[in-house]
Amino acid sequence: MSHHSLDTLPEVAAILEALTEPAAILSLDYQILATNTAYQNHFPFDSQIIGRHCYEVSHGYDLPCDQEGESCPLKRCVETGSRQRMLHIHNTPHGQEHVDVELAPVHRADGELFGFLEIMHLVRVARPTVEGDGMVGRSEAFKQMLSLLQRAAPSEIGVLLLGESGTGKELVARAIHDQSRRASEPFVTVECSGLSESLFESELFGHERGSFTGAVNRKQGLVSAARGGTLFLDEIGDVPLSLQVKLLRLIETGTYRTVGGVELQHADFRLVCATHRHLEDMVEAGAFRRDLYYRISAFPIDLPSLSERAGDIPLLAYVLLKRIPGGDAVQISPQAISALERYAFPGNIRELRNLLERAVLLSDNGIIDLPQLPAVISRSQLIVSDHNEAQIKSLEQVEHDYLTSLKAQFSGDNKALADALNISERTLYRKLKTS
């Protein structure tokens, strides 16, 4: 590690190297003064990285992020004098990646501002490109949700996921689990909407042999199965009012009894709940216990509908096609993508996946075009008003949309794509940057 002007703060340099995540010391004018080994591994440049500007290394920009149309944690740090944290999309040797950037001011002993400590919390559960597993997205609405997920996941706080049906609540719940200290332990889902009152306690707490008619064997409950891990209560708004008190007792005391059992059992789980219902309205109507609501809603996260993240539709379409049997051999036309972007998707991502599965089966020539889409979607592409100027895209936006679509389908890296387009890699980064 190069210290340069850090000679006056050797203890800061030592702390930097002790951090396991990529970290750097930045000057007041965005220069990289020092890095740890993890940072150098994350951004392996052929030439010296010390002295370069952070926005050049992470984004390929010629100017600071805030002058390129993106929020800048360093600028916010200067303005507020306090620690800042923002989710960015960085260009790395592995392609574009979501990075949770944390910046803190570093002062000399006399109180003078020396520079900034930058720590990059790598996001491993989501990607802004077609490659990889897990969640995908790059829209502002998606990044806001992902930022909240990153903050909540490492803690033990109870999380309440709020969103329409089909927005991927179970996928987000699993991502919270995978980013937590309990990641190596079980992730157990309880489908609350499918449980009758008679089955609820048995499924959740388990039962003893002979405890009721048909209980021929002892059965482990889902609370026990989740020991050490995460218990995900999906559609908690559907739990009958009469059973909510038993759920509250479990959460408050961390104890329960099996059906027909006498001995008190101790639970050990991280709780994540989800619902598409408006629980506050249900509380006011007396359909959901107020005390239970406050217990489960310590950290609410709103999941955006697909219409709120329409810019992610091309990316999601390509990713879903790769995950659908036979879909990896199928291409989707620009006209079809445009039609999907215009559609409201009341069923959200689940509806998008279902219609793509149908389109794959209807595609005889390996291409999904307007005829392979439902009529309500394909017609939207054909109805264009000559008098609605709001529908007219700027040339810059058309170019951006084209490049985004092209990158999602391109199998090579950014350099190969730039070469194919006969432009520089830096120009490609700039044209692809998040708007």
Protein backbone atom coordinates (compact mmCIF):
# COMPACT_ATOMS: atom_id res chain seq x y z
CA MET A 1 0.00 0.00 0.00
CA SER A 2 1.28 3.43 -0.92
CA HIS A 3 1.05 6.02 1.87
CA HIS A 4 2.22 9.23 0.22
CA SER A 5 0.58 12.09 2.12
CA LEU A 6 -0.72 9.56 4.66
CA ASP A 7 2.66 9.65 6.34
CA THR A 8 1.14 12.11 8.79
CA LEU A 9 -1.63 9.63 9.65
CA PRO A 10 0.02 6.21 9.83
CA GLU A 11 -2.67 4.87 12.16
CA VAL A 12 -5.31 5.57 9.47
CA ALA A 13 -3.29 3.60 6.94
CA ALA A 14 -3.07 0.67 9.36
CA ILE A 15 -6.82 0.71 9.96
CA LEU A 16 -7.40 0.80 6.20
CA GLU A 17 -5.45 -2.39 5.64
CA ALA A 18 -7.28 -4.10 8.50
CA LEU A 19 -10.62 -3.71 6.73
CA THR A 20 -11.76 -6.78 4.79
CA GLU A 21 -13.94 -4.86 2.30
CA PRO A 22 -12.50 -2.57 -0.42
CA ALA A 23 -11.48 0.70 1.21
CA ALA A 24 -9.55 3.82 0.32
CA ILE A 25 -8.54 7.22 1.62
CA LEU A 26 -9.68 10.02 -0.71
CA SER A 27 -8.45 13.60 -0.82
CA LEU A 28 -10.70 16.64 -0.78
CA ASP A 29 -10.43 16.79 -4.59
CA TYR A 30 -11.41 13.12 -5.17
CA GLN A 31 -7.89 11.73 -5.54
CA ILE A 32 -7.09 8.26 -4.23
CA LEU A 33 -4.35 8.64 -1.61
CA ALA A 34 -4.20 5.04 -0.38
CA THR A 35 -6.03 1.77 -0.73
CA ASN A 36 -6.15 -1.56 1.01
CA THR A 37 -5.47 -4.87 -0.70
CA ALA A 38 -9.20 -5.60 -1.14
CA TYR A 39 -9.62 -2.34 -3.09
CA GLN A 40 -6.71 -3.16 -5.38
CA ASN A 41 -8.19 -6.61 -6.02
CA HIS A 42 -11.59 -5.06 -6.76
CA PHE A 43 -10.21 -2.54 -9.24
CA PRO A 44 -7.04 -4.14 -10.66
CA PHE A 45 -5.65 -1.45 -12.97
CA ASP A 46 -2.68 -2.07 -15.21
CA SER A 47 -1.15 1.22 -14.13
CA GLN A 48 -0.77 2.93 -10.73
CA ILE A 49 -4.12 3.49 -8.99
CA ILE A 50 -2.77 5.94 -6.39
CA GLY A 51 -3.33 9.50 -7.60
CA ARG A 52 -6.25 8.63 -9.86
CA HIS A 53 -9.67 10.11 -9.18
CA CYS A 54 -12.23 7.84 -7.54
CA TYR A 55 -14.90 8.58 -10.19
CA GLU A 56 -12.46 7.60 -12.94
CA VAL A 57 -11.69 4.25 -11.33
CA SER A 58 -15.20 3.24 -10.25
CA HIS A 59 -17.33 4.75 -13.04
CA GLY A 60 -15.08 5.59 -15.95
CA TYR A 61 -16.20 9.23 -15.65
CA ASP A 62 -14.19 12.28 -16.63
CA LEU A 63 -15.90 14.39 -13.97
CA PRO A 64 -17.14 13.80 -10.40
CA CYS A 65 -20.35 11.76 -10.10
CA ASP A 66 -22.50 14.75 -9.19
CA GLN A 67 -21.44 16.48 -12.42
CA GLU A 68 -22.32 13.33 -14.39
CA GLY A 69 -25.91 13.31 -13.16
CA GLU A 70 -25.40 10.93 -10.23
CA SER A 71 -25.48 11.43 -6.47
CA CYS A 72 -22.06 11.72 -4.88
CA PRO A 73 -21.44 10.65 -1.27
CA LEU A 74 -18.18 12.64 -1.10
CA LYS A 75 -19.92 15.88 -2.04
CA ARG A 76 -22.65 15.16 0.52
CA CYS A 77 -19.92 14.47 3.08
CA VAL A 78 -18.40 17.89 2.41
CA GLU A 79 -21.79 19.61 2.60
CA THR A 80 -22.94 17.95 5.81
CA GLY A 81 -19.66 17.19 7.57
CA SER A 82 -21.01 13.78 8.48
CA ARG A 83 -20.87 10.15 7.34
CA GLN A 84 -22.80 9.35 4.13
CA ARG A 85 -23.93 6.12 2.51
CA MET A 86 -25.23 5.65 -1.04
CA LEU A 87 -25.86 2.80 -3.45
CA HIS A 88 -23.89 3.13 -6.70
CA ILE A 89 -23.34 1.05 -9.81
CA HIS A 90 -19.58 0.55 -10.33
CA ASN A 91 -17.65 -0.75 -13.31
CA THR A 92 -15.46 -3.63 -12.17
CA PRO A 93 -13.47 -6.40 -13.87
CA HIS A 94 -16.55 -8.58 -13.24
CA GLY A 95 -18.81 -6.15 -15.10
CA GLN A 96 -21.16 -3.61 -13.55
CA GLU A 97 -22.00 -4.27 -9.90
CA HIS A 98 -24.11 -2.68 -7.17
CA VAL A 99 -21.90 -1.25 -4.42
CA ASP A 100 -23.08 0.25 -1.13
CA VAL A 101 -20.61 3.13 -0.73
CA GLU A 102 -19.94 4.52 2.75
CA LEU A 103 -17.89 7.70 3.23
CA ALA A 104 -16.71 9.25 6.48
CA PRO A 105 -14.66 12.44 7.03
CA VAL A 106 -11.13 11.98 8.40
CA HIS A 107 -9.72 14.82 10.54
CA ARG A 108 -6.23 15.59 11.79
CA ALA A 109 -5.53 15.90 15.51
CA ASP A 110 -6.08 19.68 15.25
CA GLY A 111 -9.56 19.13 13.79
CA GLU A 112 -8.64 20.06 10.22
CA LEU A 113 -10.39 17.96 7.56
CA PHE A 114 -7.78 15.72 5.94
CA GLY A 115 -9.81 13.60 3.55
CA PHE A 116 -12.38 10.82 3.50
CA LEU A 117 -12.47 7.13 4.34
CA GLU A 118 -14.37 5.23 1.64
CA ILE A 119 -15.62 1.71 2.36
CA MET A 120 -17.37 -0.31 -0.34
CA HIS A 121 -19.91 -2.80 0.94
CA LEU A 122 -20.26 -5.24 -1.94
CA VAL A 123 -23.84 -6.23 -2.79
CA ARG A 124 -23.87 -9.95 -3.50
CA VAL A 125 -27.62 -10.54 -3.76
CA ALA A 126 -28.40 -8.32 -6.75
CA ARG A 127 -26.84 -7.24 -10.03
CA PRO A 128 -27.53 -4.44 -12.50
CA THR A 129 -26.79 -6.68 -15.51
CA VAL A 130 -28.04 -9.90 -17.05
CA GLU A 131 -25.17 -11.97 -15.61
CA GLY A 132 -25.40 -13.77 -12.30
CA ASP A 133 -28.15 -15.04 -10.03
CA GLY A 134 -30.46 -13.37 -7.55
CA MET A 135 -32.28 -10.10 -8.02
CA VAL A 136 -31.67 -7.81 -10.99
CA GLY A 137 -32.38 -4.14 -11.53
CA ARG A 138 -30.82 -0.73 -12.00
CA SER A 139 -33.79 1.66 -11.77
CA GLU A 140 -33.89 4.28 -9.04
CA ALA A 141 -36.87 2.58 -7.35
CA PHE A 142 -35.02 -0.74 -7.28
CA LYS A 143 -31.85 0.85 -5.90
CA GLN A 144 -33.81 2.56 -3.11
CA MET A 145 -35.26 -0.79 -2.08
CA LEU A 146 -31.85 -2.47 -2.32
CA SER A 147 -30.25 0.25 -0.20
CA LEU A 148 -32.75 -0.38 2.61
CA LEU A 149 -32.16 -4.13 2.31
CA GLN A 150 -28.40 -3.59 2.70
CA ARG A 151 -28.91 -1.60 5.89
CA ALA A 152 -31.35 -4.02 7.49
CA ALA A 153 -29.82 -7.36 6.53
CA PRO A 154 -26.73 -7.44 8.84
CA SER A 155 -28.82 -6.66 11.94
CA GLU A 156 -31.44 -8.71 13.79
CA ILE A 157 -34.22 -6.16 13.31
CA GLY A 158 -37.61 -7.45 12.20
CA VAL A 159 -38.34 -6.52 8.57
CA LEU A 160 -41.78 -6.02 7.01
CA LEU A 161 -41.88 -6.26 3.20
CA LEU A 162 -44.74 -4.31 1.64
CA GLY A 163 -45.72 -4.60 -1.99
CA GLU A 164 -48.20 -5.81 -4.56
CA SER A 165 -48.52 -9.49 -5.41
CA GLY A 166 -45.84 -10.62 -7.81
CA THR A 167 -43.18 -8.06 -6.82
CA GLY A 168 -40.79 -10.73 -5.50
CA LYS A 169 -41.23 -10.48 -1.74
CA GLU A 170 -39.90 -13.99 -1.06
CA LEU A 171 -36.83 -13.28 -3.21
CA VAL A 172 -36.15 -10.11 -1.18
CA ALA A 173 -36.69 -11.99 2.09
CA ARG A 174 -34.17 -14.62 1.02
CA ALA A 175 -31.71 -11.87 0.04
CA ILE A 176 -32.02 -10.39 3.54
CA HIS A 177 -31.26 -13.84 4.95
CA ASP A 178 -28.30 -14.37 2.60
CA GLN A 179 -26.79 -11.02 3.65
CA SER A 180 -27.22 -11.71 7.37
CA ARG A 181 -25.12 -13.45 10.00
CA ARG A 182 -27.61 -16.33 9.79
CA ALA A 183 -26.94 -17.02 6.10
CA SER A 184 -25.56 -20.51 6.72
CA GLU A 185 -28.64 -21.54 8.72
CA PRO A 186 -32.14 -22.44 7.40
CA PHE A 187 -34.48 -20.07 5.61
CA VAL A 188 -38.03 -21.25 6.29
CA THR A 189 -41.14 -19.88 4.60
CA VAL A 190 -44.58 -19.98 6.21
CA GLU A 191 -47.42 -19.44 3.70
CA CYS A 192 -49.88 -17.77 6.05
CA SER A 193 -52.62 -17.40 3.44
CA GLY A 194 -52.87 -21.14 2.93
CA LEU A 195 -53.21 -22.14 6.56
CA SER A 196 -56.54 -22.79 8.21
CA GLU A 197 -57.04 -22.05 11.89
CA SER A 198 -56.91 -25.74 12.71
CA LEU A 199 -53.61 -26.24 10.88
CA PHE A 200 -51.87 -23.00 11.84
CA GLU A 201 -50.56 -24.05 15.25
CA SER A 202 -49.62 -27.53 14.07
CA GLU A 203 -47.64 -26.21 11.09
CA LEU A 204 -45.98 -23.42 13.03
CA PHE A 205 -45.29 -25.10 16.37
CA GLY A 206 -45.47 -28.81 15.52
CA HIS A 207 -47.56 -31.41 17.33
CA GLU A 208 -47.19 -34.45 19.54
CA ARG A 209 -48.37 -37.92 18.61
CA GLY A 210 -52.03 -38.37 19.48
CA SER A 211 -52.61 -34.66 20.15
CA PHE A 212 -55.56 -34.66 17.75
CA THR A 213 -57.35 -37.04 15.37
CA GLY A 214 -54.92 -38.01 12.62
CA ALA A 215 -51.78 -37.10 14.56
CA VAL A 216 -50.24 -40.55 14.30
CA ASN A 217 -46.67 -39.26 14.57
CA ARG A 218 -44.81 -36.44 16.26
CA LYS A 219 -44.22 -33.56 13.82
CA GLN A 220 -41.60 -30.81 13.93
CA GLY A 221 -43.01 -27.32 13.41
CA LEU A 222 -41.64 -24.62 11.10
CA VAL A 223 -40.45 -22.51 14.04
CA SER A 224 -38.23 -25.39 15.12
CA ALA A 225 -37.06 -25.95 11.53
CA ALA A 226 -35.96 -22.30 11.36
CA ARG A 227 -33.74 -22.59 14.46
CA GLY A 228 -30.68 -20.39 14.03
CA GLY A 229 -31.93 -19.02 10.72
CA THR A 230 -34.73 -16.86 9.30
CA LEU A 231 -38.48 -17.38 9.61
CA PHE A 232 -40.35 -15.76 6.72
CA LEU A 233 -44.07 -15.21 7.33
CA ASP A 234 -45.49 -14.59 3.86
CA GLU A 235 -48.83 -12.76 3.64
CA ILE A 236 -49.00 -12.21 7.39
CA GLY A 237 -52.07 -10.03 6.84
CA ASP A 238 -54.02 -13.24 6.17
CA VAL A 239 -53.44 -14.68 9.66
CA PRO A 240 -56.85 -14.96 11.37
CA LEU A 241 -57.38 -12.51 14.21
CA SER A 242 -57.92 -15.35 16.68
CA LEU A 243 -54.42 -16.69 15.99
CA GLN A 244 -52.58 -13.39 15.99
CA VAL A 245 -52.25 -13.41 19.80
CA LYS A 246 -50.36 -16.73 19.64
CA LEU A 247 -48.05 -15.32 16.99
CA LEU A 248 -47.50 -12.22 19.14
CA ARG A 249 -46.63 -14.37 22.15
CA LEU A 250 -44.05 -16.28 20.08
CA ILE A 251 -42.41 -13.06 18.89
CA GLU A 252 -42.45 -11.34 22.30
CA THR A 253 -41.32 -14.25 24.49
CA GLY A 254 -39.35 -16.35 22.02
CA THR A 255 -41.09 -19.41 23.43
CA TYR A 256 -43.86 -21.77 22.35
CA ARG A 257 -45.43 -25.16 23.02
CA THR A 258 -46.13 -27.86 20.47
CA VAL A 259 -49.77 -28.84 20.02
CA GLY A 260 -50.42 -31.40 22.73
CA GLY A 261 -47.08 -30.68 24.37
CA VAL A 262 -46.37 -29.48 27.92
CA GLU A 263 -42.70 -28.51 27.79
CA LEU A 264 -41.88 -24.91 26.86
CA GLN A 265 -39.72 -24.69 23.72
CA HIS A 266 -37.29 -21.86 22.98
CA ALA A 267 -37.25 -20.34 19.51
CA ASP A 268 -34.22 -18.83 17.76
CA PHE A 269 -34.95 -17.07 14.48
CA ARG A 270 -34.75 -13.76 12.62
CA LEU A 271 -38.23 -12.66 11.63
CA VAL A 272 -39.11 -11.31 8.18
CA CYS A 273 -42.77 -10.73 7.27
CA ALA A 274 -44.47 -9.76 4.03
CA THR A 275 -47.92 -8.67 2.92
CA HIS A 276 -49.73 -7.08 0.00
CA ARG A 277 -52.40 -5.75 2.36
CA HIS A 278 -52.53 -2.31 4.00
CA LEU A 279 -51.98 -3.43 7.59
CA GLU A 280 -52.51 0.06 9.05
CA ASP A 281 -56.01 0.14 7.58
CA MET A 282 -56.63 -3.37 8.93
CA VAL A 283 -55.52 -2.21 12.39
CA GLU A 284 -57.98 0.68 12.29
CA ALA A 285 -60.73 -1.70 11.14
CA GLY A 286 -59.96 -4.10 14.00
CA ALA A 287 -58.86 -6.89 11.63
CA PHE A 288 -55.21 -6.90 12.70
CA ARG A 289 -53.81 -6.52 16.20
CA ARG A 290 -52.13 -3.16 16.81
CA ASP A 291 -49.52 -4.66 19.16
CA LEU A 292 -48.60 -7.32 16.59
CA TYR A 293 -48.34 -4.72 13.85
CA TYR A 294 -45.86 -2.65 15.88
CA ARG A 295 -43.87 -5.80 16.63
CA ILE A 296 -43.39 -6.80 12.98
CA SER A 297 -43.04 -3.38 11.36
CA ALA A 298 -39.82 -2.14 12.98
CA PHE A 299 -38.14 -1.83 9.57
CA PRO A 300 -40.62 -1.61 6.67
CA ILE A 301 -39.33 -1.92 3.09
CA ASP A 302 -41.58 -0.99 0.17
CA LEU A 303 -41.11 -3.17 -2.91
CA PRO A 304 -41.75 -1.18 -6.09
CA SER A 305 -44.30 -2.44 -8.58
CA LEU A 306 -43.04 -3.25 -12.06
CA SER A 307 -44.72 -0.11 -13.41
CA GLU A 308 -42.60 1.92 -10.93
CA ARG A 309 -39.44 0.36 -12.32
CA ALA A 310 -40.39 0.17 -16.02
CA GLY A 311 -36.79 0.92 -16.97
CA ASP A 312 -35.84 -2.51 -15.60
CA ILE A 313 -38.25 -4.37 -17.90
CA PRO A 314 -35.69 -5.05 -20.72
CA LEU A 315 -33.15 -6.32 -18.18
CA LEU A 316 -35.74 -8.44 -16.36
CA ALA A 317 -37.03 -9.88 -19.64
CA TYR A 318 -33.55 -11.05 -20.71
CA VAL A 319 -32.79 -12.48 -17.26
CA LEU A 320 -36.13 -14.30 -17.00
CA LEU A 321 -35.66 -15.77 -20.48
CA LYS A 322 -32.35 -17.26 -19.35
CA ARG A 323 -34.12 -18.88 -16.39
CA ILE A 324 -37.09 -20.25 -18.38
CA PRO A 325 -36.69 -23.75 -19.92
CA GLY A 326 -35.82 -23.20 -23.58
CA GLY A 327 -35.66 -19.44 -23.13
CA ASP A 328 -31.87 -19.19 -23.46
CA ALA A 329 -32.20 -20.14 -27.15
CA VAL A 330 -34.76 -17.39 -27.84
CA GLN A 331 -34.19 -13.73 -28.75
CA ILE A 332 -36.66 -10.95 -28.10
CA SER A 333 -37.20 -8.20 -30.67
CA PRO A 334 -36.86 -4.46 -29.92
CA GLN A 335 -40.55 -4.06 -30.88
CA ALA A 336 -41.55 -6.66 -28.29
CA ILE A 337 -39.39 -5.00 -25.62
CA SER A 338 -40.94 -1.63 -26.42
CA ALA A 339 -44.42 -3.11 -26.09
CA LEU A 340 -43.55 -4.65 -22.72
CA GLU A 341 -42.26 -1.28 -21.49
CA ARG A 342 -45.60 0.35 -22.37
CA TYR A 343 -47.70 -2.24 -20.52
CA ALA A 344 -48.80 -1.58 -16.91
CA PHE A 345 -48.19 -5.16 -15.60
CA PRO A 346 -50.80 -5.40 -12.84
CA GLY A 347 -49.36 -8.83 -11.99
CA ASN A 348 -45.82 -7.41 -11.78
CA ILE A 349 -42.76 -9.64 -12.28
CA ARG A 350 -44.80 -12.84 -11.90
CA GLU A 351 -46.98 -11.74 -14.84
CA LEU A 352 -43.90 -10.88 -16.93
CA ARG A 353 -42.43 -14.32 -16.32
CA ASN A 354 -45.71 -16.07 -17.18
CA LEU A 355 -46.16 -14.25 -20.48
CA LEU A 356 -42.52 -14.89 -21.44
CA GLU A 357 -43.01 -18.61 -20.75
CA ARG A 358 -46.00 -18.52 -23.09
CA ALA A 359 -44.05 -16.53 -25.70
CA VAL A 360 -41.20 -19.08 -25.69
CA LEU A 361 -43.66 -21.86 -26.51
CA LEU A 362 -45.22 -19.77 -29.30
CA SER A 363 -41.88 -18.81 -30.85
CA ASP A 364 -41.23 -21.14 -33.80
CA ASN A 365 -38.29 -19.20 -35.25
CA GLY A 366 -36.42 -18.47 -32.01
CA ILE A 367 -37.62 -14.85 -31.87
CA ILE A 368 -40.26 -13.35 -29.59
CA ASP A 369 -42.03 -10.58 -31.49
CA LEU A 370 -45.41 -8.85 -31.18
CA PRO A 371 -47.45 -11.88 -32.40
CA GLN A 372 -46.09 -13.97 -29.51
CA LEU A 373 -47.29 -11.48 -26.90
CA PRO A 374 -50.85 -11.20 -25.56
CA ALA A 375 -53.03 -8.92 -27.68
CA VAL A 376 -53.46 -6.38 -24.89
CA ILE A 377 -49.68 -5.85 -24.93
CA SER A 378 -48.94 -6.06 -28.65
CA ARG A 379 -51.68 -3.55 -29.45
CA SER A 380 -50.11 -0.99 -27.15
CA GLN A 381 -47.09 -0.90 -29.42
CA LEU A 382 -49.19 -0.25 -32.50
CA ILE A 383 -51.19 2.62 -30.99
CA VAL A 384 -49.02 5.70 -31.35
CA SER A 385 -50.51 9.16 -31.28
CA ASP A 386 -49.09 11.71 -33.70
CA HIS A 387 -50.25 14.47 -31.38
CA ASN A 388 -48.75 13.28 -28.11
CA GLU A 389 -45.30 14.81 -27.89
CA ALA A 390 -44.74 13.17 -24.50
CA GLN A 391 -44.33 9.86 -26.31
CA ILE A 392 -41.46 11.19 -28.40
CA LYS A 393 -38.05 10.19 -27.02
CA SER A 394 -34.93 12.27 -27.42
CA LEU A 395 -32.15 10.87 -29.58
CA GLU A 396 -30.05 10.54 -26.42
CA GLN A 397 -32.75 8.44 -24.77
CA VAL A 398 -33.18 6.27 -27.87
CA GLU A 399 -29.42 5.69 -27.93
CA HIS A 400 -29.37 4.91 -24.20
CA ASP A 401 -32.26 2.44 -24.53
CA TYR A 402 -30.61 0.76 -27.52
CA LEU A 403 -27.26 0.36 -25.75
CA THR A 404 -28.92 -0.93 -22.58
CA SER A 405 -30.86 -3.50 -24.59
CA LEU A 406 -27.75 -4.45 -26.58
CA LYS A 407 -25.62 -4.86 -23.45
CA ALA A 408 -28.23 -7.09 -21.83
CA GLN A 409 -28.05 -9.50 -24.78
CA PHE A 410 -24.29 -9.19 -25.43
CA SER A 411 -22.26 -12.14 -24.19
CA GLY A 412 -18.88 -10.39 -24.01
CA ASP A 413 -17.52 -7.79 -21.59
CA ASN A 414 -17.75 -4.00 -21.87
CA LYS A 415 -14.48 -3.71 -23.78
CA ALA A 416 -15.62 -6.23 -26.40
CA LEU A 417 -18.94 -4.42 -26.78
CA ALA A 418 -17.18 -1.06 -27.12
CA ASP A 419 -14.88 -2.53 -29.78
CA ALA A 420 -17.88 -3.93 -31.67
CA LEU A 421 -19.51 -0.49 -31.60
CA ASN A 422 -16.25 1.21 -32.63
CA ILE A 423 -16.25 3.49 -29.58
CA SER A 424 -13.98 3.75 -26.54
CA GLU A 425 -14.79 1.82 -23.39
CA ARG A 426 -15.01 5.09 -21.46
CA THR A 427 -17.55 6.48 -23.97
CA LEU A 428 -19.61 3.33 -23.55
CA TYR A 429 -19.55 3.71 -19.74
CA ARG A 430 -20.71 7.30 -20.08
CA LYS A 431 -23.55 6.45 -22.45
CA LEU A 432 -24.67 3.55 -20.24
CA LYS A 433 -24.51 5.44 -16.97
CA THR A 434 -27.60 5.51 -14.85
CA SER A 435 -29.82 8.40 -15.74
